[in-house]
């Protein structure tokens, strides 16, 4: 379990385990398997094991992330952090 936040940023990664994010503050946009969901404060978002998650917060979002088991110890593939342009359209990807 970890707490993390994004402010005008996006983060991409691919986990060998399930990831569940509970949005504590703000709004988080999560793209996974070709679908994008908008998750306002109080929402829960699930990214299944083996899927690439793209997490975007054009303004600000603070989340509590819970990771499922990783019995093989496989590494997470990091796509990285990128600053968003203020006028960038969230749905344009």
PDB file of N, CA and C in Angstrom:
ATOM      1  N   UNK A   1       0.855  -1.163   0.000  1.00  0.00           N
ATOM      2  CA  UNK A   1       0.000   0.000   0.000  1.00  0.00           C
ATOM      3  C   UNK A   1       0.905   1.230   0.000  1.00  0.00           C
ATOM      4  N   UNK A   2       0.508   2.237  -0.779  1.00  0.00           N
ATOM      5  CA  UNK A   2       1.268   3.478  -0.848  1.00  0.00           C
ATOM      6  C   UNK A   2       0.340   4.641  -1.178  1.00  0.00           C
ATOM      7  N   UNK A   3       0.719   5.834  -0.740  1.00  0.00           N
ATOM      8  CA  UNK A   3      -0.008   7.040  -1.093  1.00  0.00           C
ATOM      9  C   UNK A   3       0.829   7.778  -2.121  1.00  0.00           C
ATOM     10  N   UNK A   4       0.184   8.313  -3.163  1.00  0.00           N
ATOM     11  CA  UNK A   4       0.911   9.053  -4.186  1.00  0.00           C
ATOM     12  C   UNK A   4       0.019  10.129  -4.767  1.00  0.00           C
ATOM     13  N   UNK A   5       0.613  11.058  -5.511  1.00  0.00           N
ATOM     14  CA  UNK A   5      -0.164  12.149  -6.086  1.00  0.00           C
ATOM     15  C   UNK A   5       0.432  12.600  -7.403  1.00  0.00           C
ATOM     16  N   UNK A   6      -0.413  13.205  -8.205  1.00  0.00           N
ATOM     17  CA  UNK A   6      -0.028  13.801  -9.475  1.00  0.00           C
ATOM     18  C   UNK A   6      -0.637  15.197  -9.529  1.00  0.00           C
ATOM     19  N   UNK A   7       0.121  16.168 -10.027  1.00  0.00           N
ATOM     20  CA  UNK A   7      -0.367  17.530 -10.206  1.00  0.00           C
ATOM     21  C   UNK A   7       0.066  18.002 -11.584  1.00  0.00           C
ATOM     22  N   UNK A   8      -0.883  18.049 -12.526  1.00  0.00           N
ATOM     23  CA  UNK A   8      -0.560  18.427 -13.896  1.00  0.00           C
ATOM     24  C   UNK A   8       0.384  17.435 -14.548  1.00  0.00           C
ATOM     25  N   UNK A   9       0.232  16.151 -14.209  1.00  0.00           N
ATOM     26  CA  UNK A   9       1.164  15.122 -14.683  1.00  0.00           C
ATOM     27  C   UNK A   9       0.421  13.849 -15.063  1.00  0.00           C
ATOM     28  N   UNK A  10       1.160  12.974 -15.761  1.00  0.00           N
ATOM     29  CA  UNK A  10       0.680  11.624 -16.014  1.00  0.00           C
ATOM     30  C   UNK A  10       1.803  10.641 -15.721  1.00  0.00           C
ATOM     31  N   UNK A  11       1.400   9.434 -15.350  1.00  0.00           N
ATOM     32  CA  UNK A  11       2.332   8.364 -14.997  1.00  0.00           C
ATOM     33  C   UNK A  11       1.874   7.100 -15.710  1.00  0.00           C
ATOM     34  N   UNK A  12       2.827   6.366 -16.274  1.00  0.00           N
ATOM     35  CA  UNK A  12       2.494   5.107 -16.923  1.00  0.00           C
ATOM     36  C   UNK A  12       3.356   3.995 -16.341  1.00  0.00           C
ATOM     37  N   UNK A  13       2.734   2.831 -16.126  1.00  0.00           N
ATOM     38  CA  UNK A  13       3.481   1.658 -15.712  1.00  0.00           C
ATOM     39  C   UNK A  13       2.683   0.396 -16.012  1.00  0.00           C
ATOM     40  N   UNK A  14       3.362  -0.725 -15.921  1.00  0.00           N
ATOM     41  CA  UNK A  14       2.745  -2.037 -16.148  1.00  0.00           C
ATOM     42  C   UNK A  14       3.192  -2.933 -15.001  1.00  0.00           C
ATOM     43  N   UNK A  15       2.216  -3.428 -14.237  1.00  0.00           N
ATOM     44  CA  UNK A  15       2.507  -4.239 -13.061  1.00  0.00           C
ATOM     45  C   UNK A  15       2.252  -5.723 -13.313  1.00  0.00           C
ATOM     46  N   UNK A  16       3.024  -6.585 -12.629  1.00  0.00           N
ATOM     47  CA  UNK A  16       2.745  -8.022 -12.685  1.00  0.00           C
ATOM     48  C   UNK A  16       1.649  -8.412 -11.680  1.00  0.00           C
ATOM     49  N   UNK A  17       1.065  -7.425 -11.025  1.00  0.00           N
ATOM     50  CA  UNK A  17       0.043  -7.653 -10.002  1.00  0.00           C
ATOM     51  C   UNK A  17      -1.107  -6.670 -10.203  1.00  0.00           C
ATOM     52  N   UNK A  18      -2.265  -6.955  -9.640  1.00  0.00           N
ATOM     53  CA  UNK A  18      -3.392  -6.021  -9.679  1.00  0.00           C
ATOM     54  C   UNK A  18      -3.028  -4.747  -8.915  1.00  0.00           C
ATOM     55  N   UNK A  19      -3.580  -3.636  -9.376  1.00  0.00           N
ATOM     56  CA  UNK A  19      -3.415  -2.369  -8.667  1.00  0.00           C
ATOM     57  C   UNK A  19      -4.790  -1.744  -8.487  1.00  0.00           C
ATOM     58  N   UNK A  20      -5.080  -1.323  -7.267  1.00  0.00           N
ATOM     59  CA  UNK A  20      -6.331  -0.648  -6.952  1.00  0.00           C
ATOM     60  C   UNK A  20      -5.977   0.724  -6.391  1.00  0.00           C
ATOM     61  N   UNK A  21      -6.563   1.762  -6.974  1.00  0.00           N
ATOM     62  CA  UNK A  21      -6.334   3.130  -6.515  1.00  0.00           C
ATOM     63  C   UNK A  21      -7.629   3.717  -5.983  1.00  0.00           C
ATOM     64  N   UNK A  22      -7.561   4.252  -4.771  1.00  0.00           N
ATOM     65  CA  UNK A  22      -8.673   4.970  -4.161  1.00  0.00           C
ATOM     66  C   UNK A  22      -8.314   6.450  -4.222  1.00  0.00           C
ATOM     67  N   UNK A  23      -9.152   7.267  -4.871  1.00  0.00           N
ATOM     68  CA  UNK A  23      -8.871   8.689  -5.048  1.00  0.00           C
ATOM     69  C   UNK A  23      -9.266   9.433  -3.774  1.00  0.00           C
ATOM     70  N   UNK A  24      -8.261   9.966  -3.086  1.00  0.00           N
ATOM     71  CA  UNK A  24      -8.467  10.693  -1.831  1.00  0.00           C
ATOM     72  C   UNK A  24      -8.859  12.149  -2.068  1.00  0.00           C
ATOM     73  N   UNK A  25      -8.272  12.760  -3.109  1.00  0.00           N
ATOM     74  CA  UNK A  25      -8.540  14.167  -3.448  1.00  0.00           C
ATOM     75  C   UNK A  25      -8.463  14.336  -4.949  1.00  0.00           C
ATOM     76  N   UNK A  26      -9.207  15.294  -5.475  1.00  0.00           N
ATOM     77  CA  UNK A  26      -9.104  15.665  -6.878  1.00  0.00           C
ATOM     78  C   UNK A  26      -9.780  14.675  -7.812  1.00  0.00           C
ATOM     79  N   UNK A  27      -9.324  14.683  -9.070  1.00  0.00           N
ATOM     80  CA  UNK A  27      -9.856  13.805 -10.109  1.00  0.00           C
ATOM     81  C   UNK A  27      -8.703  13.148 -10.851  1.00  0.00           C
ATOM     82  N   UNK A  28      -8.806  11.837 -11.022  1.00  0.00           N
ATOM     83  CA  UNK A  28      -7.805  11.039 -11.712  1.00  0.00           C
ATOM     84  C   UNK A  28      -8.447  10.417 -12.944  1.00  0.00           C
ATOM     85  N   UNK A  29      -7.755  10.482 -14.073  1.00  0.00           N
ATOM     86  CA  UNK A  29      -8.185   9.805 -15.293  1.00  0.00           C
ATOM     87  C   UNK A  29      -7.269   8.604 -15.464  1.00  0.00           C
ATOM     88  N   UNK A  30      -7.866   7.425 -15.653  1.00  0.00           N
ATOM     89  CA  UNK A  30      -7.077   6.211 -15.800  1.00  0.00           C
ATOM     90  C   UNK A  30      -7.436   5.542 -17.116  1.00  0.00           C
ATOM     91  N   UNK A  31      -6.408   5.295 -17.928  1.00  0.00           N
ATOM     92  CA  UNK A  31      -6.585   4.581 -19.189  1.00  0.00           C
ATOM     93  C   UNK A  31      -5.973   3.205 -19.032  1.00  0.00           C
ATOM     94  N   UNK A  32      -6.740   2.178 -19.405  1.00  0.00           N
ATOM     95  CA  UNK A  32      -6.278   0.799 -19.300  1.00  0.00           C
ATOM     96  C   UNK A  32      -7.035  -0.037 -20.323  1.00  0.00           C
ATOM     97  N   UNK A  33      -6.322  -0.832 -21.087  1.00  0.00           N
ATOM     98  CA  UNK A  33      -6.942  -1.740 -22.060  1.00  0.00           C
ATOM     99  C   UNK A  33      -7.920  -1.019 -22.990  1.00  0.00           C
ATOM    100  N   UNK A  34      -7.531   0.187 -23.444  1.00  0.00           N
ATOM    101  CA  UNK A  34      -8.330   0.935 -24.411  1.00  0.00           C
ATOM    102  C   UNK A  34      -9.508   1.692 -23.846  1.00  0.00           C
ATOM    103  N   UNK A  35      -9.671   1.689 -22.543  1.00  0.00           N
ATOM    104  CA  UNK A  35     -10.786   2.401 -21.914  1.00  0.00           C
ATOM    105  C   UNK A  35     -10.241   3.442 -20.943  1.00  0.00           C
ATOM    106  N   UNK A  36     -10.844   4.641 -20.951  1.00  0.00           N
ATOM    107  CA  UNK A  36     -10.463   5.696 -20.015  1.00  0.00           C
ATOM    108  C   UNK A  36     -11.636   5.969 -19.090  1.00  0.00           C
ATOM    109  N   UNK A  37     -11.338   6.003 -17.785  1.00  0.00           N
ATOM    110  CA  UNK A  37     -12.373   6.335 -16.804  1.00  0.00           C
ATOM    111  C   UNK A  37     -11.963   7.588 -16.049  1.00  0.00           C
ATOM    112  N   UNK A  38     -12.958   8.382 -15.692  1.00  0.00           N
ATOM    113  CA  UNK A  38     -12.754   9.564 -14.863  1.00  0.00           C
ATOM    114  C   UNK A  38     -13.119   9.173 -13.439  1.00  0.00           C
ATOM    115  N   UNK A  39     -12.170   9.348 -12.521  1.00  0.00           N
ATOM    116  CA  UNK A  39     -12.371   8.922 -11.133  1.00  0.00           C
ATOM    117  C   UNK A  39     -12.249  10.127 -10.206  1.00  0.00           C
ATOM    118  N   UNK A  40     -13.383  10.713  -9.802  1.00  0.00           N
ATOM    119  CA  UNK A  40     -13.342  11.824  -8.848  1.00  0.00           C
ATOM    120  C   UNK A  40     -13.093  11.313  -7.431  1.00  0.00           C
ATOM    121  N   UNK A  41     -12.881  12.238  -6.527  1.00  0.00           N
ATOM    122  CA  UNK A  41     -12.655  11.908  -5.117  1.00  0.00           C
ATOM    123  C   UNK A  41     -13.675  10.879  -4.637  1.00  0.00           C
ATOM    124  N   UNK A  42     -13.180   9.845  -3.942  1.00  0.00           N
ATOM    125  CA  UNK A  42     -14.038   8.798  -3.414  1.00  0.00           C
ATOM    126  C   UNK A  42     -14.193   7.598  -4.333  1.00  0.00           C
ATOM    127  N   UNK A  43     -13.654   7.692  -5.561  1.00  0.00           N
ATOM    128  CA  UNK A  43     -13.761   6.596  -6.525  1.00  0.00           C
ATOM    129  C   UNK A  43     -12.644   5.578  -6.344  1.00  0.00           C
ATOM    130  N   UNK A  44     -12.917   4.378  -6.823  1.00  0.00           N
ATOM    131  CA  UNK A  44     -11.924   3.302  -6.821  1.00  0.00           C
ATOM    132  C   UNK A  44     -11.707   2.865  -8.265  1.00  0.00           C
ATOM    133  N   UNK A  45     -10.436   2.711  -8.659  1.00  0.00           N
ATOM    134  CA  UNK A  45     -10.085   2.289 -10.006  1.00  0.00           C
ATOM    135  C   UNK A  45      -9.199   1.055  -9.911  1.00  0.00           C
ATOM    136  N   UNK A  46      -9.523   0.037 -10.710  1.00  0.00           N
ATOM    137  CA  UNK A  46      -8.762  -1.212 -10.728  1.00  0.00           C
ATOM    138  C   UNK A  46      -8.028  -1.353 -12.055  1.00  0.00           C
ATOM    139  N   UNK A  47      -6.717  -1.619 -12.005  1.00  0.00           N
ATOM    140  CA  UNK A  47      -5.926  -1.939 -13.191  1.00  0.00           C
ATOM    141  C   UNK A  47      -5.442  -3.372 -13.008  1.00  0.00           C
ATOM    142  N   UNK A  48      -5.895  -4.292 -13.893  1.00  0.00           N
ATOM    143  CA  UNK A  48      -5.550  -5.701 -13.722  1.00  0.00           C
ATOM    144  C   UNK A  48      -4.068  -5.996 -13.948  1.00  0.00           C
ATOM    145  N   UNK A  49      -3.607  -7.061 -13.337  1.00  0.00           N
ATOM    146  CA  UNK A  49      -2.223  -7.520 -13.515  1.00  0.00           C
ATOM    147  C   UNK A  49      -1.931  -7.692 -15.005  1.00  0.00           C
ATOM    148  N   UNK A  50      -0.747  -7.261 -15.415  1.00  0.00           N
ATOM    149  CA  UNK A  50      -0.319  -7.400 -16.801  1.00  0.00           C
ATOM    150  C   UNK A  50      -0.773  -6.286 -17.723  1.00  0.00           C
ATOM    151  N   UNK A  51      -1.639  -5.394 -17.241  1.00  0.00           N
ATOM    152  CA  UNK A  51      -2.122  -4.280 -18.059  1.00  0.00           C
ATOM    153  C   UNK A  51      -1.268  -3.038 -17.823  1.00  0.00           C
ATOM    154  N   UNK A  52      -1.166  -2.222 -18.854  1.00  0.00           N
ATOM    155  CA  UNK A  52      -0.493  -0.937 -18.709  1.00  0.00           C
ATOM    156  C   UNK A  52      -1.521   0.081 -18.238  1.00  0.00           C
ATOM    157  N   UNK A  53      -1.189   0.803 -17.182  1.00  0.00           N
ATOM    158  CA  UNK A  53      -2.050   1.854 -16.666  1.00  0.00           C
ATOM    159  C   UNK A  53      -1.457   3.206 -16.987  1.00  0.00           C
ATOM    160  N   UNK A  54      -2.297   4.109 -17.463  1.00  0.00           N
ATOM    161  CA  UNK A  54      -1.900   5.499 -17.714  1.00  0.00           C
ATOM    162  C   UNK A  54      -2.759   6.340 -16.792  1.00  0.00           C
ATOM    163  N   UNK A  55      -2.135   7.009 -15.845  1.00  0.00           N
ATOM    164  CA  UNK A  55      -2.819   7.779 -14.804  1.00  0.00           C
ATOM    165  C   UNK A  55      -2.572   9.258 -15.074  1.00  0.00           C
ATOM    166  N   UNK A  56      -3.640  10.047 -15.215  1.00  0.00           N
ATOM    167  CA  UNK A  56      -3.484  11.476 -15.527  1.00  0.00           C
ATOM    168  C   UNK A  56      -4.274  12.330 -14.550  1.00  0.00           C
ATOM    169  N   UNK A  57      -3.631  13.408 -14.117  1.00  0.00           N
ATOM    170  CA  UNK A  57      -4.289  14.402 -13.264  1.00  0.00           C
ATOM    171  C   UNK A  57      -3.955  15.776 -13.824  1.00  0.00           C
ATOM    172  N   UNK A  58      -4.822  16.334 -14.677  1.00  0.00           N
ATOM    173  CA  UNK A  58      -4.544  17.640 -15.256  1.00  0.00           C
ATOM    174  C   UNK A  58      -4.437  18.725 -14.201  1.00  0.00           C
ATOM    175  N   UNK A  59      -5.202  18.605 -13.127  1.00  0.00           N
ATOM    176  CA  UNK A  59      -5.113  19.554 -12.017  1.00  0.00           C
ATOM    177  C   UNK A  59      -4.343  18.901 -10.876  1.00  0.00           C
ATOM    178  N   UNK A  60      -5.028  18.105 -10.081  1.00  0.00           N
ATOM    179  CA  UNK A  60      -4.377  17.429  -8.950  1.00  0.00           C
ATOM    180  C   UNK A  60      -5.203  16.215  -8.545  1.00  0.00           C
ATOM    181  N   UNK A  61      -4.505  15.162  -8.173  1.00  0.00           N
ATOM    182  CA  UNK A  61      -5.161  13.979  -7.599  1.00  0.00           C
ATOM    183  C   UNK A  61      -4.196  13.343  -6.604  1.00  0.00           C
ATOM    184  N   UNK A  62      -4.756  12.920  -5.488  1.00  0.00           N
ATOM    185  CA  UNK A  62      -3.987  12.195  -4.462  1.00  0.00           C
ATOM    186  C   UNK A  62      -4.694  10.862  -4.265  1.00  0.00           C
ATOM    187  N   UNK A  63      -3.909   9.776  -4.310  1.00  0.00           N
ATOM    188  CA  UNK A  63      -4.475   8.444  -4.297  1.00  0.00           C
ATOM    189  C   UNK A  63      -3.824   7.557  -3.246  1.00  0.00           C
ATOM    190  N   UNK A  64      -4.567   6.541  -2.854  1.00  0.00           N
ATOM    191  CA  UNK A  64      -4.050   5.457  -2.034  1.00  0.00           C
ATOM    192  C   UNK A  64      -4.031   4.241  -2.954  1.00  0.00           C
ATOM    193  N   UNK A  65      -2.855   3.678  -3.196  1.00  0.00           N
ATOM    194  CA  UNK A  65      -2.724   2.526  -4.090  1.00  0.00           C
ATOM    195  C   UNK A  65      -2.482   1.260  -3.277  1.00  0.00           C
ATOM    196  N   UNK A  66      -3.183   0.217  -3.669  1.00  0.00           N
ATOM    197  CA  UNK A  66      -3.015  -1.090  -3.037  1.00  0.00           C
ATOM    198  C   UNK A  66      -2.635  -2.074  -4.136  1.00  0.00           C
ATOM    199  N   UNK A  67      -1.521  -2.776  -3.931  1.00  0.00           N
ATOM    200  CA  UNK A  67      -1.040  -3.751  -4.903  1.00  0.00           C
ATOM    201  C   UNK A  67      -1.397  -5.156  -4.450  1.00  0.00           C
ATOM    202  N   UNK A  68      -1.807  -5.978  -5.419  1.00  0.00           N
ATOM    203  CA  UNK A  68      -2.090  -7.375  -5.142  1.00  0.00           C
ATOM    204  C   UNK A  68      -0.799  -8.169  -5.023  1.00  0.00           C
ATOM    205  N   UNK A  69      -0.904  -9.439  -4.726  1.00  0.00           N
ATOM    206  CA  UNK A  69       0.283 -10.283  -4.580  1.00  0.00           C
ATOM    207  C   UNK A  69       1.086 -10.387  -5.879  1.00  0.00           C
ATOM    208  N   UNK A  70       2.374 -10.547  -5.721  1.00  0.00           N
ATOM    209  CA  UNK A  70       3.302 -10.752  -6.835  1.00  0.00           C
ATOM    210  C   UNK A  70       4.175 -11.955  -6.461  1.00  0.00           C
ATOM    211  N   UNK A  71       3.602 -13.161  -6.500  1.00  0.00           N
ATOM    212  CA  UNK A  71       4.308 -14.333  -5.980  1.00  0.00           C
ATOM    213  C   UNK A  71       5.604 -14.678  -6.714  1.00  0.00           C
ATOM    214  N   UNK A  72       5.730 -14.280  -7.980  1.00  0.00           N
ATOM    215  CA  UNK A  72       6.956 -14.599  -8.728  1.00  0.00           C
ATOM    216  C   UNK A  72       8.030 -13.533  -8.558  1.00  0.00           C
ATOM    217  N   UNK A  73       7.653 -12.375  -8.005  1.00  0.00           N
ATOM    218  CA  UNK A  73       8.620 -11.293  -7.825  1.00  0.00           C
ATOM    219  C   UNK A  73       8.980 -10.579  -9.114  1.00  0.00           C
ATOM    220  N   UNK A  74       8.134 -10.705 -10.149  1.00  0.00           N
ATOM    221  CA  UNK A  74       8.396 -10.056 -11.437  1.00  0.00           C
ATOM    222  C   UNK A  74       8.445  -8.539 -11.252  1.00  0.00           C
ATOM    223  N   UNK A  75       9.307  -7.855 -12.017  1.00  0.00           N
ATOM    224  CA  UNK A  75       9.444  -6.402 -11.862  1.00  0.00           C
ATOM    225  C   UNK A  75       8.304  -5.634 -12.527  1.00  0.00           C
ATOM    226  N   UNK A  76       8.097  -4.408 -12.055  1.00  0.00           N
ATOM    227  CA  UNK A  76       7.175  -3.464 -12.680  1.00  0.00           C
ATOM    228  C   UNK A  76       7.900  -2.781 -13.823  1.00  0.00           C
ATOM    229  N   UNK A  77       7.216  -2.609 -14.953  1.00  0.00           N
ATOM    230  CA  UNK A  77       7.783  -1.880 -16.094  1.00  0.00           C
ATOM    231  C   UNK A  77       7.338  -0.428 -15.970  1.00  0.00           C
ATOM    232  N   UNK A  78       8.298   0.468 -15.848  1.00  0.00           N
ATOM    233  CA  UNK A  78       8.002   1.889 -15.661  1.00  0.00           C
ATOM    234  C   UNK A  78       7.974   2.598 -17.011  1.00  0.00           C
ATOM    235  N   UNK A  79       6.856   3.271 -17.290  1.00  0.00           N
ATOM    236  CA  UNK A  79       6.742   4.078 -18.494  1.00  0.00           C
ATOM    237  C   UNK A  79       7.199   5.503 -18.225  1.00  0.00           C
ATOM    238  N   UNK A  80       7.073   5.934 -16.976  1.00  0.00           N
ATOM    239  CA  UNK A  80       7.594   7.223 -16.578  1.00  0.00           C
ATOM    240  C   UNK A  80       6.559   8.286 -16.289  1.00  0.00           C
ATOM    241  N   UNK A  81       7.073   9.410 -15.851  1.00  0.00           N
ATOM    242  CA  UNK A  81       6.286  10.577 -15.468  1.00  0.00           C
ATOM    243  C   UNK A  81       6.440  11.637 -16.547  1.00  0.00           C
ATOM    244  N   UNK A  82       5.329  12.273 -16.895  1.00  0.00           N
ATOM    245  CA  UNK A  82       5.357  13.326 -17.910  1.00  0.00           C
ATOM    246  C   UNK A  82       4.482  14.474 -17.451  1.00  0.00           C
ATOM    247  N   UNK A  83       4.985  15.672 -17.636  1.00  0.00           N
ATOM    248  CA  UNK A  83       4.238  16.897 -17.307  1.00  0.00           C
ATOM    249  C   UNK A  83       3.201  17.137 -18.387  1.00  0.00           C
ATOM    250  N   UNK A  84       1.967  17.450 -18.008  1.00  0.00           N
ATOM    251  CA  UNK A  84       0.902  17.762 -18.962  1.00  0.00           C
ATOM    252  C   UNK A  84       0.876  19.243 -19.259  1.00  0.00           C
ATOM    253  N   UNK A  85       0.536  19.573 -20.479  1.00  0.00           N
ATOM    254  CA  UNK A  85       0.348  20.964 -20.856  1.00  0.00           C
ATOM    255  C   UNK A  85      -1.012  21.398 -20.312  1.00  0.00           C
ATOM    256  N   UNK A  86      -1.142  22.630 -19.800  1.00  0.00           N
ATOM    257  CA  UNK A  86      -2.415  23.071 -19.216  1.00  0.00           C
ATOM    258  C   UNK A  86      -3.611  22.948 -20.146  1.00  0.00           C
ATOM    259  N   UNK A  87      -3.442  23.159 -21.444  1.00  0.00           N
ATOM    260  CA  UNK A  87      -4.564  23.117 -22.371  1.00  0.00           C
ATOM    261  C   UNK A  87      -4.756  21.750 -22.993  1.00  0.00           C
ATOM    262  N   UNK A  88      -3.962  20.741 -22.596  1.00  0.00           N
ATOM    263  CA  UNK A  88      -4.059  19.422 -23.204  1.00  0.00           C
ATOM    264  C   UNK A  88      -5.424  18.795 -22.939  1.00  0.00           C
ATOM    265  N   UNK A  89      -6.047  18.287 -23.995  1.00  0.00           N
ATOM    266  CA  UNK A  89      -7.351  17.650 -23.897  1.00  0.00           C
ATOM    267  C   UNK A  89      -7.164  16.240 -23.352  1.00  0.00           C
ATOM    268  N   UNK A  90      -7.780  15.940 -22.223  1.00  0.00           N
ATOM    269  CA  UNK A  90      -7.664  14.645 -21.563  1.00  0.00           C
ATOM    270  C   UNK A  90      -8.121  13.515 -22.481  1.00  0.00           C
ATOM    271  N   UNK A  91      -9.201  13.710 -23.219  1.00  0.00           N
ATOM    272  CA  UNK A  91      -9.740  12.640 -24.043  1.00  0.00           C
ATOM    273  C   UNK A  91      -8.935  12.416 -25.325  1.00  0.00           C
ATOM    274  N   UNK A  92      -8.063  13.345 -25.669  1.00  0.00           N
ATOM    275  CA  UNK A  92      -7.266  13.207 -26.885  1.00  0.00           C
ATOM    276  C   UNK A  92      -6.165  12.186 -26.719  1.00  0.00           C
ATOM    277  N   UNK A  93      -5.792  11.898 -25.458  1.00  0.00           N
ATOM    278  CA  UNK A  93      -4.787  10.896 -25.157  1.00  0.00           C
ATOM    279  C   UNK A  93      -3.457  11.302 -25.600  1.00  0.00           C
TER     280      UNK A  93
END
